[in-house]
Amino acid sequence: MSGSKADGAPKPVAVVAGGSRGLGLLIAERLIERDHRVVVLARDAAELDRAVARLGPEASAQVADVTDREGLRRAVDRIEAELGPIEVSIHVAGIIQVGPAADATLEHFDAAIGTMLNGPINLAWAVLPGMRERRRGRVGTVASVGGVVAPPHLLPYATAKFGAVGFSDGLAGELAGTGVTATTIVPGLMRTGSHVQARFFGDAPREYAWFATAASLPLLSMDAARAATRIVDGVLAGRPWVSLTPLTWLATRLRGLAPATTTRLMKLVSLLLPGATGNSEAVPGERARADLASPLVDTLTAAGDAASEANNER
């Protein structure tokens, strides 16, 4: 019976913020495979409809914006009233804005921080009262290696992700003895197809060229389905930290052991990237790709493009 385990007991309820596409959609699939009833949250109703159609009868959706505290709290209240207590909450929602800091605006920072730092806080504070009362629950925050080492041309993103790492890691300590756990998830580049949803400013076509290629090549990026499995395993096990790739593991340790050296390396990488142009308009990946019109880049991003089709990114 839908919503129940084989023994007749109700399935635990899991919420995935940003679960309508990309990594969030894959995490929702893995939670269903692990015998959960999953509710996906996102702002786009059409995306949510496509996601639920793919996920099947153990999934449902709520239109919700993680930057809207009261709206998110109301969504959590509705879920618990209709399906039961939320046992697992994973925040995946994110935005990617790629371009030189000289062309970034304060609005770019506001958008990144609102979604990727305030979002995890808002979701956690909506689900934690019930989890604490029941003395059980799992909270996961998908951060990034960009929250440990600040990559060039992703400054608003890195600012938000550094904050998310600090929040999630600190929350894990604060929850000691409550029966509730917090897991900080630190992926590197993954082939989710997110380059088509990313926004590019400055010399947008050239910014798209390097980012989309890096996010698509198998040697530089991780298979997103494998990443989703490891994330769900880590969150359900209550692990405090999930580092997904050897490169992420290495970057984290290099930053800890030699922070000045790490920053110098990022400076060198920055010198290889396009310079500022005075253009702060952030355009979607599809437009940047069309303006670039590079058959070579299209070839190099083939795996990422396939992932975007498979993961509801388009």
Protein backbone atom coordinates (compact mmCIF):
# COMPACT_ATOMS: atom_id res chain seq x y z
CA MET A 1 0.00 0.00 0.00
CA SER A 2 1.34 3.46 -0.91
CA GLY A 3 2.66 5.31 2.11
CA SER A 4 3.11 2.14 4.22
CA LYS A 5 5.88 -0.38 4.69
CA ALA A 6 5.40 -4.05 3.97
CA ASP A 7 4.62 -4.63 7.65
CA GLY A 8 1.82 -2.05 7.55
CA ALA A 9 3.70 0.64 9.48
CA PRO A 10 3.65 4.12 7.89
CA LYS A 11 6.74 5.05 5.95
CA PRO A 12 8.90 7.83 7.42
CA VAL A 13 8.37 11.21 5.77
CA ALA A 14 11.29 13.01 4.13
CA VAL A 15 11.39 16.54 2.73
CA VAL A 16 13.81 17.60 -0.01
CA ALA A 17 14.06 21.35 -0.62
CA GLY A 18 15.11 21.90 -4.20
CA GLY A 19 13.93 18.40 -5.07
CA SER A 20 12.29 19.15 -8.41
CA ARG A 21 15.43 18.76 -10.53
CA GLY A 22 19.12 17.93 -10.58
CA LEU A 23 20.76 16.53 -7.47
CA GLY A 24 17.65 17.14 -5.36
CA LEU A 25 15.53 14.98 -7.66
CA LEU A 26 18.08 12.17 -7.49
CA ILE A 27 18.18 12.43 -3.68
CA ALA A 28 14.39 12.15 -3.60
CA GLU A 29 14.63 8.99 -5.72
CA ARG A 30 17.17 7.45 -3.35
CA LEU A 31 15.00 8.24 -0.32
CA ILE A 32 12.05 6.49 -1.96
CA GLU A 33 14.29 3.51 -2.65
CA ARG A 34 15.15 3.58 1.06
CA ASP A 35 11.44 3.23 1.92
CA HIS A 36 10.54 6.86 2.60
CA ARG A 37 7.53 8.95 1.63
CA VAL A 38 9.07 12.02 0.00
CA VAL A 39 7.78 15.57 -0.38
CA VAL A 40 9.73 17.74 -2.81
CA LEU A 41 9.75 21.51 -2.36
CA ALA A 42 10.51 24.06 -5.06
CA ARG A 43 9.23 27.36 -6.43
CA ASP A 44 8.25 26.14 -9.91
CA ALA A 45 4.93 24.26 -9.98
CA ALA A 46 5.51 22.86 -13.49
CA GLU A 47 8.92 21.48 -12.48
CA LEU A 48 7.33 19.91 -9.40
CA ASP A 49 4.63 18.26 -11.50
CA ARG A 50 7.26 16.69 -13.77
CA ALA A 51 9.30 15.57 -10.77
CA VAL A 52 6.35 13.87 -9.04
CA ALA A 53 5.36 12.16 -12.29
CA ARG A 54 8.86 10.71 -12.47
CA LEU A 55 9.12 9.81 -8.77
CA GLY A 56 5.81 7.96 -8.59
CA PRO A 57 3.16 7.41 -5.92
CA GLU A 58 5.49 7.70 -2.93
CA ALA A 59 6.19 11.34 -3.82
CA SER A 60 4.20 14.53 -3.49
CA ALA A 61 5.04 18.20 -3.84
CA GLN A 62 4.61 21.56 -2.18
CA VAL A 63 5.29 24.88 -3.86
CA ALA A 64 7.60 26.63 -1.42
CA ASP A 65 10.42 29.17 -1.46
CA VAL A 66 13.20 28.50 1.07
CA THR A 67 13.78 32.25 1.38
CA ASP A 68 10.20 32.73 2.68
CA ARG A 69 10.34 31.78 6.36
CA GLU A 70 6.63 31.90 7.09
CA GLY A 71 5.65 30.24 3.84
CA LEU A 72 8.14 27.45 4.49
CA ARG A 73 6.84 26.95 8.01
CA ARG A 74 3.28 26.72 6.69
CA ALA A 75 4.41 24.13 4.11
CA VAL A 76 6.03 22.03 6.86
CA ASP A 77 2.87 22.28 8.97
CA ARG A 78 0.75 21.09 6.02
CA ILE A 79 3.06 18.17 5.32
CA GLU A 80 2.99 17.00 8.93
CA ALA A 81 -0.78 17.41 9.16
CA GLU A 82 -1.35 15.39 5.98
CA LEU A 83 1.42 12.77 6.07
CA GLY A 84 2.85 12.66 9.57
CA PRO A 85 6.01 13.83 11.29
CA ILE A 86 8.99 14.77 9.14
CA GLU A 87 11.84 12.41 9.96
CA VAL A 88 14.36 13.56 7.32
CA SER A 89 14.97 17.04 5.91
CA ILE A 90 17.57 17.71 3.21
CA HIS A 91 18.25 21.18 1.80
CA VAL A 92 19.59 21.07 -1.77
CA ALA A 93 18.15 24.27 -3.27
CA GLY A 94 20.82 26.44 -4.82
CA ILE A 95 21.66 28.97 -7.49
CA ILE A 96 24.91 29.26 -9.42
CA GLN A 97 26.13 32.65 -10.66
CA VAL A 98 29.42 32.64 -12.54
CA GLY A 99 31.47 35.73 -13.31
CA PRO A 100 34.27 38.00 -12.04
CA ALA A 101 33.80 39.73 -8.71
CA ALA A 102 34.33 43.12 -10.34
CA ASP A 103 31.12 42.59 -12.33
CA ALA A 104 29.08 41.13 -9.43
CA THR A 105 26.36 43.20 -7.79
CA LEU A 106 25.04 43.20 -4.24
CA GLU A 107 21.87 41.64 -5.63
CA HIS A 108 23.91 38.63 -6.73
CA PHE A 109 25.06 38.21 -3.13
CA ASP A 110 21.54 38.69 -1.78
CA ALA A 111 20.17 35.98 -4.05
CA ALA A 112 22.95 33.50 -3.21
CA ILE A 113 22.81 34.09 0.54
CA GLY A 114 19.01 34.06 0.61
CA THR A 115 18.79 30.64 -1.02
CA MET A 116 21.94 28.80 0.10
CA LEU A 117 22.54 30.17 3.60
CA ASN A 118 19.22 31.50 4.86
CA GLY A 119 17.44 28.63 3.09
CA PRO A 120 19.07 25.85 5.17
CA ILE A 121 18.52 27.89 8.34
CA ASN A 122 14.86 28.53 7.52
CA LEU A 123 14.18 24.87 6.73
CA ALA A 124 16.00 23.59 9.80
CA TRP A 125 14.14 25.96 12.10
CA ALA A 126 10.84 24.82 10.58
CA VAL A 127 11.46 21.08 11.14
CA LEU A 128 13.64 21.04 14.26
CA PRO A 129 10.99 21.80 16.94
CA GLY A 130 9.09 18.63 16.08
CA MET A 131 12.25 16.57 15.72
CA ARG A 132 13.55 17.72 19.09
CA GLU A 133 10.22 16.95 20.73
CA ARG A 134 10.16 13.44 19.25
CA ARG A 135 13.92 13.04 19.95
CA ARG A 136 14.66 11.77 16.48
CA GLY A 137 15.35 13.24 13.06
CA ARG A 138 17.93 13.77 10.35
CA VAL A 139 18.85 17.17 8.89
CA GLY A 140 21.13 17.37 5.84
CA THR A 141 22.57 20.47 4.18
CA VAL A 142 24.15 20.21 0.75
CA ALA A 143 27.01 22.68 0.88
CA SER A 144 29.97 22.55 -1.52
CA VAL A 145 33.72 22.34 -1.78
CA GLY A 146 33.15 26.01 -2.67
CA GLY A 147 32.25 26.43 1.00
CA VAL A 148 35.70 25.22 2.04
CA VAL A 149 37.90 26.67 -0.71
CA ALA A 150 36.60 29.79 -2.47
CA PRO A 151 36.86 29.21 -6.24
CA PRO A 152 37.39 32.22 -8.50
CA HIS A 153 34.45 33.71 -10.39
CA LEU A 154 31.97 32.19 -7.91
CA LEU A 155 32.23 34.70 -5.07
CA PRO A 156 28.50 35.08 -4.21
CA TYR A 157 28.15 31.29 -4.34
CA ALA A 158 31.21 30.71 -2.16
CA THR A 159 30.09 33.34 0.35
CA ALA A 160 26.76 31.57 0.83
CA LYS A 161 28.29 28.08 0.90
CA PHE A 162 30.95 29.03 3.46
CA GLY A 163 28.09 30.19 5.67
CA ALA A 164 26.13 26.99 5.05
CA VAL A 165 29.13 24.87 6.08
CA GLY A 166 29.52 26.86 9.30
CA PHE A 167 25.81 26.66 10.09
CA SER A 168 25.48 22.93 9.45
CA ASP A 169 28.71 22.00 11.21
CA GLY A 170 27.81 24.12 14.22
CA LEU A 171 24.28 22.74 14.29
CA ALA A 172 25.64 19.19 14.51
CA GLY A 173 27.37 20.09 17.75
CA GLU A 174 24.36 21.94 19.15
CA LEU A 175 22.13 18.89 18.59
CA ALA A 176 24.28 16.58 20.72
CA GLY A 177 22.12 14.49 23.02
CA THR A 178 18.83 15.37 21.32
CA GLY A 179 18.47 12.27 19.13
CA VAL A 180 18.58 14.57 16.07
CA THR A 181 21.61 14.77 13.77
CA ALA A 182 22.88 17.33 11.25
CA THR A 183 24.98 16.31 8.27
CA THR A 184 27.17 18.69 6.26
CA ILE A 185 27.47 17.47 2.67
CA VAL A 186 30.48 18.72 0.70
CA PRO A 187 30.35 17.78 -2.97
CA GLY A 188 32.63 18.99 -5.71
CA LEU A 189 31.56 19.37 -9.32
CA MET A 190 28.79 16.93 -10.27
CA ARG A 191 27.23 16.06 -13.60
CA THR A 192 23.69 17.15 -12.72
CA GLY A 193 23.18 19.28 -15.85
CA SER A 194 23.08 22.42 -13.71
CA HIS A 195 25.15 24.41 -16.22
CA VAL A 196 21.98 25.06 -18.21
CA GLN A 197 20.31 26.56 -15.12
CA ALA A 198 23.38 28.52 -13.97
CA ARG A 199 23.61 32.25 -14.63
CA PHE A 200 26.63 33.91 -16.24
CA PHE A 201 27.74 37.54 -16.17
CA GLY A 202 30.77 39.49 -17.31
CA ASP A 203 31.86 37.82 -20.55
CA ALA A 204 28.99 35.35 -20.26
CA PRO A 205 29.83 33.08 -23.24
CA ARG A 206 33.45 32.59 -22.10
CA GLU A 207 32.36 32.08 -18.48
CA TYR A 208 29.92 29.44 -19.71
CA ALA A 209 32.67 27.74 -21.71
CA TRP A 210 34.94 27.00 -18.75
CA PHE A 211 32.24 26.28 -16.18
CA ALA A 212 30.04 24.05 -18.33
CA THR A 213 33.07 22.07 -19.49
CA ALA A 214 34.38 21.55 -15.94
CA ALA A 215 30.90 20.52 -14.73
CA SER A 216 30.54 17.98 -17.55
CA LEU A 217 33.86 16.18 -18.00
CA PRO A 218 33.97 12.83 -16.14
CA LEU A 219 37.55 13.40 -14.97
CA LEU A 220 36.54 16.65 -13.23
CA SER A 221 32.96 15.96 -12.16
CA MET A 222 31.22 13.17 -10.27
CA ASP A 223 28.27 11.14 -11.49
CA ALA A 224 25.28 12.74 -9.78
CA ALA A 225 23.38 9.48 -9.19
CA ARG A 226 26.33 8.04 -7.29
CA ALA A 227 26.62 11.28 -5.32
CA ALA A 228 22.93 11.12 -4.37
CA THR A 229 23.33 7.59 -3.04
CA ARG A 230 26.27 8.56 -0.84
CA ILE A 231 24.45 11.65 0.41
CA VAL A 232 21.34 9.73 1.44
CA ASP A 233 23.42 7.00 3.07
CA GLY A 234 25.34 9.59 5.08
CA VAL A 235 22.29 11.58 6.20
CA LEU A 236 20.30 8.51 7.24
CA ALA A 237 23.31 7.19 9.16
CA GLY A 238 23.58 10.51 11.00
CA ARG A 239 27.14 11.18 9.87
CA PRO A 240 28.29 14.73 10.68
CA TRP A 241 30.24 15.22 7.42
CA VAL A 242 29.99 13.67 3.94
CA SER A 243 32.83 14.50 1.54
CA LEU A 244 32.05 13.07 -1.87
CA THR A 245 35.20 13.01 -3.99
CA PRO A 246 38.95 12.62 -3.50
CA LEU A 247 39.39 16.16 -4.88
CA THR A 248 36.98 17.50 -2.26
CA TRP A 249 38.79 15.57 0.48
CA LEU A 250 42.15 16.91 -0.74
CA ALA A 251 40.92 20.51 -1.04
CA THR A 252 39.49 20.45 2.47
CA ARG A 253 42.74 19.18 3.96
CA LEU A 254 44.93 21.49 1.89
CA ARG A 255 42.87 24.45 3.07
CA GLY A 256 43.24 23.32 6.67
CA LEU A 257 46.98 22.69 6.46
CA ALA A 258 48.04 25.51 4.14
CA PRO A 259 45.35 28.19 3.84
CA ALA A 260 47.65 30.85 2.37
CA THR A 261 48.96 28.42 -0.25
CA THR A 262 45.40 27.47 -1.19
CA THR A 263 44.48 31.12 -1.68
CA ARG A 264 47.56 31.68 -3.83
CA LEU A 265 46.55 28.73 -6.03
CA MET A 266 43.09 30.24 -6.47
CA LYS A 267 44.72 33.53 -7.48
CA LEU A 268 46.64 31.73 -10.22
CA VAL A 269 43.47 30.06 -11.47
CA SER A 270 41.70 33.44 -11.48
CA LEU A 271 44.35 34.86 -13.81
CA LEU A 272 43.44 32.21 -16.40
CA LEU A 273 39.73 33.13 -16.42
CA PRO A 274 38.02 35.91 -18.42
CA GLY A 275 38.48 39.46 -17.20
CA ALA A 276 35.80 41.89 -16.06
CA THR A 277 33.72 43.64 -18.73
CA GLY A 278 31.43 45.90 -16.72
CA ASN A 279 28.47 43.68 -17.60
CA SER A 280 26.54 42.58 -14.50
CA GLU A 281 23.52 41.11 -16.31
CA ALA A 282 23.34 37.41 -15.43
CA VAL A 283 22.05 35.36 -18.36
CA PRO A 284 20.98 31.69 -18.29
CA GLY A 285 23.28 28.97 -19.52
CA GLU A 286 21.25 28.25 -22.63
CA ARG A 287 21.61 31.85 -23.81
CA ALA A 288 25.34 31.95 -23.01
CA ARG A 289 25.77 28.71 -24.95
CA ALA A 290 23.92 30.13 -27.96
CA ASP A 291 26.02 33.30 -27.91
CA LEU A 292 29.22 31.22 -27.63
CA ALA A 293 28.25 28.96 -30.56
CA SER A 294 31.19 26.63 -30.04
CA PRO A 295 30.94 23.09 -31.45
CA LEU A 296 33.99 22.14 -29.35
CA VAL A 297 32.35 23.22 -26.08
CA ASP A 298 29.12 21.48 -27.14
CA THR A 299 31.13 18.28 -27.57
CA LEU A 300 32.93 18.67 -24.24
CA THR A 301 29.63 19.26 -22.41
CA ALA A 302 27.79 16.31 -23.97
CA ALA A 303 27.72 14.32 -20.70
CA GLY A 304 26.43 17.34 -18.79
CA ASP A 305 23.77 17.98 -21.43
CA ALA A 306 22.60 14.38 -21.15
CA ALA A 307 22.38 14.79 -17.39
CA SER A 308 20.30 17.96 -17.78
CA GLU A 309 17.76 16.07 -19.88
CA ALA A 310 17.69 13.13 -17.48
CA ASN A 311 17.41 15.25 -14.31
CA ASN A 312 14.59 17.66 -15.25
CA GLU A 313 16.99 20.61 -15.64
CA ARG A 314 15.41 21.61 -18.96
